[in-house]
C-alpha atoms as a PDB file:
ATOM      1  CA  MET A   1      -0.189 -15.509   3.970  1.00  0.00           C
ATOM      2  CA  SER A   2       0.498 -19.192   3.477  1.00  0.00           C
ATOM      3  CA  GLU A   3       3.919 -20.576   2.737  1.00  0.00           C
ATOM      4  CA  ASN A   4       2.697 -21.643  -0.696  1.00  0.00           C
ATOM      5  CA  GLY A   5       1.468 -18.119  -1.442  1.00  0.00           C
ATOM      6  CA  SER A   6       4.840 -16.621  -0.527  1.00  0.00           C
ATOM      7  CA  GLN A   7       6.563 -19.155  -2.721  1.00  0.00           C
ATOM      8  CA  ASN A   8       4.321 -18.268  -5.706  1.00  0.00           C
ATOM      9  CA  MET A   9       5.099 -14.544  -5.327  1.00  0.00           C
ATOM     10  CA  SER A  10       8.829 -15.280  -5.153  1.00  0.00           C
ATOM     11  CA  ASP A  11       8.634 -17.364  -8.324  1.00  0.00           C
ATOM     12  CA  GLU A  12       6.776 -14.533 -10.031  1.00  0.00           C
ATOM     13  CA  GLU A  13       9.413 -11.985  -9.039  1.00  0.00           C
ATOM     14  CA  ASP A  14      12.195 -14.260 -10.257  1.00  0.00           C
ATOM     15  CA  PHE A  15      10.400 -14.611 -13.574  1.00  0.00           C
ATOM     16  CA  MET A  16      10.060 -10.824 -13.901  1.00  0.00           C
ATOM     17  CA  ASP A  17      13.743 -10.293 -13.038  1.00  0.00           C
ATOM     18  CA  THR A  18      14.962 -12.808 -15.563  1.00  0.00           C
ATOM     19  CA  GLU A  19      12.581 -11.818 -18.361  1.00  0.00           C
ATOM     20  CA  GLU A  20      14.673 -10.975 -21.440  1.00  0.00           C
ATOM     21  CA  GLN A  21      14.795  -7.372 -22.608  1.00  0.00           C
ATOM     22  CA  PRO A  22      14.100  -6.768 -26.297  1.00  0.00           C
ATOM     23  CA  PRO A  23      17.350  -6.754 -28.318  1.00  0.00           C
ATOM     24  CA  ARG A  24      18.895  -3.369 -29.134  1.00  0.00           C
ATOM     25  CA  ASN A  25      18.472  -2.083 -32.653  1.00  0.00           C
ATOM     26  CA  ILE A  26      22.038  -0.881 -33.161  1.00  0.00           C
ATOM     27  CA  GLU A  27      21.427   0.275 -36.720  1.00  0.00           C
ATOM     28  CA  LYS A  28      18.483   2.442 -35.658  1.00  0.00           C
ATOM     29  CA  GLU A  29      20.457   3.916 -32.760  1.00  0.00           C
ATOM     30  CA  ALA A  30      23.334   4.746 -35.105  1.00  0.00           C
ATOM     31  CA  GLU A  31      20.998   6.333 -37.667  1.00  0.00           C
ATOM     32  CA  ASP A  32      19.295   8.366 -34.940  1.00  0.00           C
ATOM     33  CA  ALA A  33      22.694   9.630 -33.762  1.00  0.00           C
ATOM     34  CA  LYS A  34      23.676  10.474 -37.332  1.00  0.00           C
ATOM     35  CA  ASN A  35      20.393  12.314 -37.937  1.00  0.00           C
ATOM     36  CA  THR A  36      20.837  14.295 -34.737  1.00  0.00           C
ATOM     37  CA  GLY A  37      24.340  15.167 -35.923  1.00  0.00           C
ATOM     38  CA  ASN A  38      22.901  16.298 -39.252  1.00  0.00           C
ATOM     39  CA  ASN A  39      20.478  18.608 -37.461  1.00  0.00           C
ATOM     40  CA  PHE A  40      23.292  20.214 -35.492  1.00  0.00           C
ATOM     41  CA  TYR A  41      25.336  20.489 -38.692  1.00  0.00           C
ATOM     42  CA  LYS A  42      22.489  22.387 -40.372  1.00  0.00           C
ATOM     43  CA  GLN A  43      22.369  24.681 -37.346  1.00  0.00           C
ATOM     44  CA  LYS A  44      26.145  25.232 -37.795  1.00  0.00           C
ATOM     45  CA  ASP A  45      26.830  23.750 -34.371  1.00  0.00           C
ATOM     46  CA  TYR A  46      29.676  21.648 -35.711  1.00  0.00           C
ATOM     47  CA  PHE A  47      31.124  20.578 -32.358  1.00  0.00           C
ATOM     48  CA  LYS A  48      27.849  18.981 -31.314  1.00  0.00           C
ATOM     49  CA  ALA A  49      27.495  17.478 -34.775  1.00  0.00           C
ATOM     50  CA  ILE A  50      30.916  15.857 -34.359  1.00  0.00           C
ATOM     51  CA  LYS A  51      29.857  14.435 -30.996  1.00  0.00           C
ATOM     52  CA  PHE A  52      26.803  12.683 -32.458  1.00  0.00           C
ATOM     53  CA  TYR A  53      28.626  11.511 -35.575  1.00  0.00           C
ATOM     54  CA  THR A  54      31.187   9.978 -33.211  1.00  0.00           C
ATOM     55  CA  ASN A  55      28.360   8.219 -31.356  1.00  0.00           C
ATOM     56  CA  ALA A  56      27.128   6.809 -34.670  1.00  0.00           C
ATOM     57  CA  ILE A  57      30.657   5.622 -35.554  1.00  0.00           C
ATOM     58  CA  ASN A  58      31.044   3.919 -32.185  1.00  0.00           C
ATOM     59  CA  LEU A  59      27.827   2.015 -32.818  1.00  0.00           C
ATOM     60  CA  LEU A  60      28.605   1.101 -36.452  1.00  0.00           C
ATOM     61  CA  PRO A  61      32.358   1.546 -37.011  1.00  0.00           C
ATOM     62  CA  ASP A  62      32.269   0.118 -40.538  1.00  0.00           C
ATOM     63  CA  LYS A  63      29.811   2.662 -41.955  1.00  0.00           C
ATOM     64  CA  ALA A  64      31.733   4.819 -44.438  1.00  0.00           C
ATOM     65  CA  ALA A  65      29.151   7.613 -44.567  1.00  0.00           C
ATOM     66  CA  TYR A  66      29.452   8.308 -40.828  1.00  0.00           C
ATOM     67  CA  TYR A  67      33.168   9.042 -41.198  1.00  0.00           C
ATOM     68  CA  GLY A  68      32.310  11.210 -44.195  1.00  0.00           C
ATOM     69  CA  ASN A  69      29.797  13.201 -42.148  1.00  0.00           C
ATOM     70  CA  ARG A  70      32.266  13.778 -39.348  1.00  0.00           C
ATOM     71  CA  ALA A  71      34.963  14.763 -41.868  1.00  0.00           C
ATOM     72  CA  ALA A  72      32.617  17.413 -43.272  1.00  0.00           C
ATOM     73  CA  ALA A  73      32.038  18.819 -39.770  1.00  0.00           C
ATOM     74  CA  TYR A  74      35.766  18.869 -39.030  1.00  0.00           C
ATOM     75  CA  MET A  75      36.339  20.777 -42.259  1.00  0.00           C
ATOM     76  CA  MET A  76      33.848  23.424 -41.178  1.00  0.00           C
ATOM     77  CA  ILE A  77      35.942  24.167 -38.071  1.00  0.00           C
ATOM     78  CA  ASN A  78      39.177  24.090 -40.113  1.00  0.00           C
ATOM     79  CA  ASN A  79      40.424  20.932 -38.432  1.00  0.00           C
ATOM     80  CA  TYR A  80      41.830  19.519 -41.639  1.00  0.00           C
ATOM     81  CA  PRO A  81      44.123  16.862 -40.111  1.00  0.00           C
ATOM     82  CA  ASN A  82      41.162  15.167 -38.407  1.00  0.00           C
ATOM     83  CA  ALA A  83      39.004  15.681 -41.478  1.00  0.00           C
ATOM     84  CA  LEU A  84      41.665  13.990 -43.597  1.00  0.00           C
ATOM     85  CA  ASP A  85      41.863  11.025 -41.199  1.00  0.00           C
ATOM     86  CA  ASP A  86      38.107  10.525 -41.398  1.00  0.00           C
ATOM     87  CA  SER A  87      38.076  10.922 -45.181  1.00  0.00           C
ATOM     88  CA  LEU A  88      40.770   8.258 -45.486  1.00  0.00           C
ATOM     89  CA  LYS A  89      38.797   5.946 -43.200  1.00  0.00           C
ATOM     90  CA  SER A  90      35.601   6.481 -45.185  1.00  0.00           C
ATOM     91  CA  VAL A  91      37.333   5.435 -48.415  1.00  0.00           C
ATOM     92  CA  GLU A  92      39.002   2.543 -46.629  1.00  0.00           C
ATOM     93  CA  LYS A  93      35.577   1.297 -45.529  1.00  0.00           C
ATOM     94  CA  ASP A  94      34.085   1.834 -48.979  1.00  0.00           C
ATOM     95  CA  PRO A  95      36.504   2.454 -51.896  1.00  0.00           C
ATOM     96  CA  ASN A  96      33.563   3.598 -54.046  1.00  0.00           C
ATOM     97  CA  PHE A  97      32.484   6.300 -51.592  1.00  0.00           C
ATOM     98  CA  PHE A  98      32.840   9.291 -53.939  1.00  0.00           C
ATOM     99  CA  LYS A  99      32.237  12.021 -51.347  1.00  0.00           C
ATOM    100  CA  GLY A 100      34.950  10.543 -49.149  1.00  0.00           C
ATOM    101  CA  GLY A 101      37.464  10.638 -51.985  1.00  0.00           C
ATOM    102  CA  LEU A 102      36.519  14.212 -52.856  1.00  0.00           C
ATOM    103  CA  ARG A 103      36.851  15.374 -49.237  1.00  0.00           C
ATOM    104  CA  MET A 104      40.240  13.681 -49.086  1.00  0.00           C
ATOM    105  CA  ILE A 105      41.426  15.816 -52.011  1.00  0.00           C
ATOM    106  CA  LYS A 106      40.005  18.989 -50.430  1.00  0.00           C
ATOM    107  CA  CYS A 107      41.862  18.237 -47.192  1.00  0.00           C
ATOM    108  CA  TYR A 108      45.161  17.569 -48.941  1.00  0.00           C
ATOM    109  CA  ILE A 109      44.784  20.893 -50.768  1.00  0.00           C
ATOM    110  CA  ALA A 110      43.934  22.760 -47.552  1.00  0.00           C
ATOM    111  CA  LEU A 111      47.060  21.273 -45.948  1.00  0.00           C
ATOM    112  CA  GLY A 112      49.185  22.202 -48.970  1.00  0.00           C
ATOM    113  CA  ASN A 113      50.077  18.611 -49.829  1.00  0.00           C
ATOM    114  CA  LEU A 114      49.750  18.949 -53.590  1.00  0.00           C
ATOM    115  CA  THR A 115      51.500  15.665 -54.392  1.00  0.00           C
ATOM    116  CA  ALA A 116      49.007  13.671 -52.334  1.00  0.00           C
ATOM    117  CA  ALA A 117      46.116  15.777 -53.647  1.00  0.00           C
ATOM    118  CA  SER A 118      47.122  15.064 -57.265  1.00  0.00           C
ATOM    119  CA  ARG A 119      47.492  11.347 -56.566  1.00  0.00           C
ATOM    120  CA  ALA A 120      44.066  11.191 -54.909  1.00  0.00           C
ATOM    121  CA  LEU A 121      42.545  13.193 -57.750  1.00  0.00           C
ATOM    122  CA  GLN A 122      43.920  10.805 -60.378  1.00  0.00           C
ATOM    123  CA  ASP A 123      42.568   7.874 -58.392  1.00  0.00           C
ATOM    124  CA  LEU A 124      39.137   9.484 -58.205  1.00  0.00           C
ATOM    125  CA  LYS A 125      39.175  10.222 -61.934  1.00  0.00           C
ATOM    126  CA  SER A 126      40.047   6.613 -62.741  1.00  0.00           C
ATOM    127  CA  ARG A 127      37.135   5.350 -60.645  1.00  0.00           C
ATOM    128  CA  ASP A 128      34.612   7.970 -61.772  1.00  0.00           C
ATOM    129  CA  PRO A 129      35.714   9.466 -65.120  1.00  0.00           C
ATOM    130  CA  ASN A 130      32.237  10.742 -65.997  1.00  0.00           C
ATOM    131  CA  ASN A 131      31.945  13.017 -62.959  1.00  0.00           C
ATOM    132  CA  SER A 132      34.728  15.490 -63.770  1.00  0.00           C
ATOM    133  CA  SER A 133      32.560  18.536 -63.064  1.00  0.00           C
ATOM    134  CA  SER A 134      32.406  17.521 -59.387  1.00  0.00           C
ATOM    135  CA  TYR A 135      36.161  17.897 -58.928  1.00  0.00           C
ATOM    136  CA  ALA A 136      36.841  20.672 -61.450  1.00  0.00           C
ATOM    137  CA  SER A 137      37.532  23.271 -58.756  1.00  0.00           C
ATOM    138  CA  GLU A 138      39.991  20.926 -57.018  1.00  0.00           C
ATOM    139  CA  THR A 139      41.867  20.462 -60.312  1.00  0.00           C
ATOM    140  CA  THR A 140      42.011  24.244 -60.758  1.00  0.00           C
ATOM    141  CA  ASN A 141      43.189  24.836 -57.189  1.00  0.00           C
ATOM    142  CA  ILE A 142      46.012  22.291 -57.429  1.00  0.00           C
ATOM    143  CA  ASN A 143      47.306  23.881 -60.630  1.00  0.00           C
ATOM    144  CA  ARG A 144      46.924  27.389 -59.238  1.00  0.00           C
ATOM    145  CA  LEU A 145      48.811  26.522 -56.060  1.00  0.00           C
ATOM    146  CA  ARG A 146      51.645  24.992 -58.064  1.00  0.00           C
ATOM    147  CA  ASP A 147      51.943  28.229 -60.031  1.00  0.00           C
ATOM    148  CA  LEU A 148      51.945  30.281 -56.818  1.00  0.00           C
ATOM    149  CA  GLU A 149      54.640  28.070 -55.256  1.00  0.00           C
ATOM    150  CA  ALA A 150      56.856  28.520 -58.317  1.00  0.00           C
ATOM    151  CA  SER A 151      56.266  32.267 -58.274  1.00  0.00           C
ATOM    152  CA  ALA A 152      57.116  32.502 -54.566  1.00  0.00           C
ATOM    153  CA  ASP A 153      60.364  30.572 -55.079  1.00  0.00           C
ATOM    154  CA  LYS A 154      61.438  32.936 -57.863  1.00  0.00           C
ATOM    155  CA  ASP A 155      60.541  35.996 -55.805  1.00  0.00           C
ATOM    156  CA  MET A 156      62.422  34.592 -52.804  1.00  0.00           C
ATOM    157  CA  ASN A 157      65.542  34.114 -54.924  1.00  0.00           C
ATOM    158  CA  LYS A 158      65.252  37.762 -56.006  1.00  0.00           C
ATOM    159  CA  ASN A 159      64.834  38.875 -52.367  1.00  0.00           C
ATOM    160  CA  ASP A 160      61.450  40.326 -53.286  1.00  0.00           C
ATOM    161  CA  TYR A 161      59.987  39.535 -49.886  1.00  0.00           C
ATOM    162  CA  ARG A 162      57.005  41.847 -50.243  1.00  0.00           C
ATOM    163  CA  ARG A 163      55.932  39.953 -53.337  1.00  0.00           C
ATOM    164  CA  VAL A 164      56.378  36.600 -51.550  1.00  0.00           C
ATOM    165  CA  VAL A 165      54.040  37.753 -48.754  1.00  0.00           C
ATOM    166  CA  TYR A 166      51.445  38.718 -51.362  1.00  0.00           C
ATOM    167  CA  VAL A 167      51.753  35.366 -53.158  1.00  0.00           C
ATOM    168  CA  MET A 168      51.555  33.379 -49.909  1.00  0.00           C
ATOM    169  CA  ASP A 169      48.435  35.309 -48.890  1.00  0.00           C
ATOM    170  CA  ARG A 170      46.816  34.204 -52.157  1.00  0.00           C
ATOM    171  CA  ALA A 171      47.960  30.612 -51.610  1.00  0.00           C
ATOM    172  CA  LEU A 172      46.610  30.521 -48.051  1.00  0.00           C
ATOM    173  CA  GLU A 173      43.171  31.453 -49.336  1.00  0.00           C
ATOM    174  CA  MET A 174      43.076  28.005 -50.965  1.00  0.00           C
ATOM    175  CA  ALA A 175      45.304  26.167 -48.487  1.00  0.00           C
ATOM    176  CA  PRO A 176      44.525  27.759 -45.099  1.00  0.00           C
ATOM    177  CA  ALA A 177      46.175  24.976 -43.066  1.00  0.00           C
ATOM    178  CA  CYS A 178      49.464  24.787 -44.989  1.00  0.00           C
ATOM    179  CA  VAL A 179      52.304  25.183 -42.489  1.00  0.00           C
ATOM    180  CA  SER A 180      54.996  25.726 -45.130  1.00  0.00           C
ATOM    181  CA  TYR A 181      53.070  28.632 -46.693  1.00  0.00           C
ATOM    182  CA  LYS A 182      52.542  30.207 -43.276  1.00  0.00           C
ATOM    183  CA  THR A 183      56.216  29.762 -42.421  1.00  0.00           C
ATOM    184  CA  LYS A 184      57.456  31.313 -45.670  1.00  0.00           C
ATOM    185  CA  ARG A 185      55.099  34.248 -45.223  1.00  0.00           C
ATOM    186  CA  ALA A 186      56.238  34.805 -41.613  1.00  0.00           C
ATOM    187  CA  GLU A 187      59.918  34.601 -42.602  1.00  0.00           C
ATOM    188  CA  CYS A 188      59.446  37.236 -45.280  1.00  0.00           C
ATOM    189  CA  LEU A 189      57.619  39.510 -42.839  1.00  0.00           C
ATOM    190  CA  ALA A 190      60.677  39.260 -40.582  1.00  0.00           C
ATOM    191  CA  LEU A 191      63.029  39.994 -43.478  1.00  0.00           C
ATOM    192  CA  LEU A 192      60.906  43.062 -44.286  1.00  0.00           C
ATOM    193  CA  GLY A 193      61.321  44.311 -40.722  1.00  0.00           C
ATOM    194  CA  ARG A 194      57.652  43.713 -39.894  1.00  0.00           C
ATOM    195  CA  TYR A 195      58.627  41.967 -36.680  1.00  0.00           C
ATOM    196  CA  ASN A 196      55.332  42.228 -34.808  1.00  0.00           C
ATOM    197  CA  GLU A 197      53.442  40.615 -37.678  1.00  0.00           C
ATOM    198  CA  ALA A 198      56.088  37.935 -38.072  1.00  0.00           C
ATOM    199  CA  GLN A 199      56.051  37.090 -34.362  1.00  0.00           C
ATOM    200  CA  GLU A 200      52.254  37.020 -34.306  1.00  0.00           C
ATOM    201  CA  ALA A 201      52.230  34.583 -37.233  1.00  0.00           C
ATOM    202  CA  SER A 202      54.895  32.443 -35.542  1.00  0.00           C
ATOM    203  CA  ASN A 203      53.048  32.379 -32.218  1.00  0.00           C
ATOM    204  CA  GLU A 204      49.890  31.210 -33.981  1.00  0.00           C
ATOM    205  CA  MET A 205      51.792  28.279 -35.491  1.00  0.00           C
ATOM    206  CA  LEU A 206      53.470  27.463 -32.170  1.00  0.00           C
ATOM    207  CA  ARG A 207      50.103  27.340 -30.413  1.00  0.00           C
ATOM    208  CA  ALA A 208      49.171  24.569 -32.814  1.00  0.00           C
ATOM    209  CA  ASN A 209      52.564  22.852 -32.520  1.00  0.00           C
ATOM    210  CA  SER A 210      55.121  24.018 -29.951  1.00  0.00           C
ATOM    211  CA  LEU A 211      57.866  22.130 -31.816  1.00  0.00           C
ATOM    212  CA  ASN A 212      57.305  23.821 -35.181  1.00  0.00           C
ATOM    213  CA  ALA A 213      60.913  24.359 -36.307  1.00  0.00           C
ATOM    214  CA  GLY A 214      59.986  26.936 -38.943  1.00  0.00           C
ATOM    215  CA  ALA A 215      58.046  29.097 -36.494  1.00  0.00           C
ATOM    216  CA  LEU A 216      60.852  28.894 -33.911  1.00  0.00           C
ATOM    217  CA  TYR A 217      63.338  29.959 -36.593  1.00  0.00           C
ATOM    218  CA  VAL A 218      61.245  32.998 -37.537  1.00  0.00           C
ATOM    219  CA  LYS A 219      61.033  34.061 -33.887  1.00  0.00           C
ATOM    220  CA  GLY A 220      64.816  33.743 -33.674  1.00  0.00           C
ATOM    221  CA  LEU A 221      65.171  35.802 -36.843  1.00  0.00           C
ATOM    222  CA  CYS A 222      63.059  38.610 -35.375  1.00  0.00           C
ATOM    223  CA  LEU A 223      65.184  38.604 -32.212  1.00  0.00           C
ATOM    224  CA  PHE A 224      68.399  38.610 -34.271  1.00  0.00           C
ATOM    225  CA  TYR A 225      67.412  41.639 -36.336  1.00  0.00           C
ATOM    226  CA  GLN A 226      66.308  43.450 -33.176  1.00  0.00           C
ATOM    227  CA  ASP A 227      69.776  42.831 -31.682  1.00  0.00           C
ATOM    228  CA  HIS A 228      68.640  40.396 -28.975  1.00  0.00           C
ATOM    229  CA  LEU A 229      71.479  38.071 -29.855  1.00  0.00           C
ATOM    230  CA  ASP A 230      71.456  35.786 -26.832  1.00  0.00           C
ATOM    231  CA  LYS A 231      67.728  35.065 -27.137  1.00  0.00           C
ATOM    232  CA  ALA A 232      68.090  34.656 -30.896  1.00  0.00           C
ATOM    233  CA  ARG A 233      70.835  32.060 -30.417  1.00  0.00           C
ATOM    234  CA  GLN A 234      68.655  30.149 -27.947  1.00  0.00           C
ATOM    235  CA  HIS A 235      65.847  29.983 -30.502  1.00  0.00           C
ATOM    236  CA  PHE A 236      68.152  28.853 -33.305  1.00  0.00           C
ATOM    237  CA  LEU A 237      69.655  26.145 -31.096  1.00  0.00           C
ATOM    238  CA  GLN A 238      66.154  24.994 -30.160  1.00  0.00           C
ATOM    239  CA  VAL A 239      65.360  24.725 -33.881  1.00  0.00           C
ATOM    240  CA  LEU A 240      68.397  22.479 -34.344  1.00  0.00           C
ATOM    241  CA  ARG A 241      67.321  20.274 -31.457  1.00  0.00           C
ATOM    242  CA  VAL A 242      63.958  19.817 -33.150  1.00  0.00           C
ATOM    243  CA  ASP A 243      65.362  19.604 -36.685  1.00  0.00           C
ATOM    244  CA  PRO A 244      69.139  18.967 -36.814  1.00  0.00           C
ATOM    245  CA  ASP A 245      69.116  19.404 -40.608  1.00  0.00           C
ATOM    246  CA  HIS A 246      67.634  22.933 -40.543  1.00  0.00           C
ATOM    247  CA  SER A 247      70.337  24.633 -42.634  1.00  0.00           C
ATOM    248  CA  LYS A 248      69.084  28.206 -42.101  1.00  0.00           C
ATOM    249  CA  ALA A 249      69.202  27.820 -38.326  1.00  0.00           C
ATOM    250  CA  ARG A 250      72.718  26.394 -38.520  1.00  0.00           C
ATOM    251  CA  LEU A 251      73.875  29.413 -40.548  1.00  0.00           C
ATOM    252  CA  ALA A 252      72.041  31.750 -38.182  1.00  0.00           C
ATOM    253  CA  VAL A 253      73.980  30.398 -35.192  1.00  0.00           C
ATOM    254  CA  LYS A 254      77.222  31.244 -37.033  1.00  0.00           C
ATOM    255  CA  ASP A 255      75.872  34.723 -37.856  1.00  0.00           C
ATOM    256  CA  VAL A 256      75.121  35.339 -34.172  1.00  0.00           C
ATOM    257  CA  LYS A 257      78.661  34.306 -33.195  1.00  0.00           C
ATOM    258  CA  GLU A 258      80.213  36.527 -35.877  1.00  0.00           C
ATOM    259  CA  LEU A 259      78.090  39.514 -34.917  1.00  0.00           C
ATOM    260  CA  GLU A 260      78.906  39.078 -31.232  1.00  0.00           C
ATOM    261  CA  SER A 261      82.615  38.881 -32.080  1.00  0.00           C
ATOM    262  CA  THR A 262      82.388  42.027 -34.224  1.00  0.00           C
ATOM    263  CA  LYS A 263      80.601  43.920 -31.454  1.00  0.00           C
ATOM    264  CA  GLN A 264      83.257  42.871 -28.960  1.00  0.00           C
ATOM    265  CA  ARG A 265      86.015  44.124 -31.272  1.00  0.00           C
ATOM    266  CA  GLY A 266      84.108  47.356 -31.767  1.00  0.00           C
ATOM    267  CA  ASN A 267      83.740  47.848 -28.040  1.00  0.00           C
ATOM    268  CA  ALA A 268      87.452  47.175 -27.533  1.00  0.00           C
ATOM    269  CA  ALA A 269      88.368  49.700 -30.249  1.00  0.00           C
ATOM    270  CA  PHE A 270      86.064  52.322 -28.753  1.00  0.00           C
ATOM    271  CA  THR A 271      87.478  51.743 -25.244  1.00  0.00           C
ATOM    272  CA  SER A 272      91.003  52.211 -26.537  1.00  0.00           C
ATOM    273  CA  GLY A 273      90.058  55.458 -28.292  1.00  0.00           C
ATOM    274  CA  LYS A 274      90.045  54.095 -31.837  1.00  0.00           C
ATOM    275  CA  ASN A 275      86.705  55.678 -32.637  1.00  0.00           C
ATOM    276  CA  GLU A 276      86.953  55.457 -36.424  1.00  0.00           C
ATOM    277  CA  GLU A 277      87.778  51.748 -36.297  1.00  0.00           C
ATOM    278  CA  ALA A 278      84.955  51.172 -33.815  1.00  0.00           C
ATOM    279  CA  LEU A 279      82.505  52.984 -36.084  1.00  0.00           C
ATOM    280  CA  LYS A 280      83.442  50.773 -39.018  1.00  0.00           C
ATOM    281  CA  LEU A 281      82.964  47.654 -36.936  1.00  0.00           C
ATOM    282  CA  TYR A 282      79.597  48.803 -35.587  1.00  0.00           C
ATOM    283  CA  ARG A 283      78.380  49.353 -39.112  1.00  0.00           C
END
């Protein structure tokens, strides 16, 4: 082959290498990812749906509906903190995105944050006053949960722990991710002597957050009532490291010290033959 022929082929190859590729259609790619996510959502494969909604968000991060779709999927797997974050972002991207505002309220209710839920509900009403039927159940749930909270507080003051457990069970049906409801329920189970149930409830909360002061306190309470005083004290002190203002844990540490002192006096009385005095102290 001639030198000129080789040169022509080289020029051709260079032209092919440098030929511009057609521009990407980012919007179409994002919509395709969203549609794939929708298909997985319909199949109830919410984890895969979340993956594709995330792909759509990465392609078009300012699209409010994509955050709304992912929030809906998070809600279906009871991941309300992430669902709330996405709902907030969807409304931030588009303040008129009604579904985003409604999901925000649902998440606040599920998390037991009634103050934030009420505020978000009033905001939604002010922006869409003619659509009250769409958030009627949320209005009912907020009011119902407030009534249940008040009832539980009264029952707690009366030491009616069985009733508190019942009320918190009803509340958790509407607010399944509310840590304070779970903690109050677990505490009352411990006070009722249902230690296995209380510890199981506490362990579930600690798996979600190992520094949950309320759950650590309940575990300490179970240990205290089962006479494992040293372990109980360790739990109460751990609570105070996490939350120095936890008044119940502070009192519990004093109770442990007093009980240990009483047991020591009882042992001393028994050793010295003062059986009647020892019996009184052990009681």
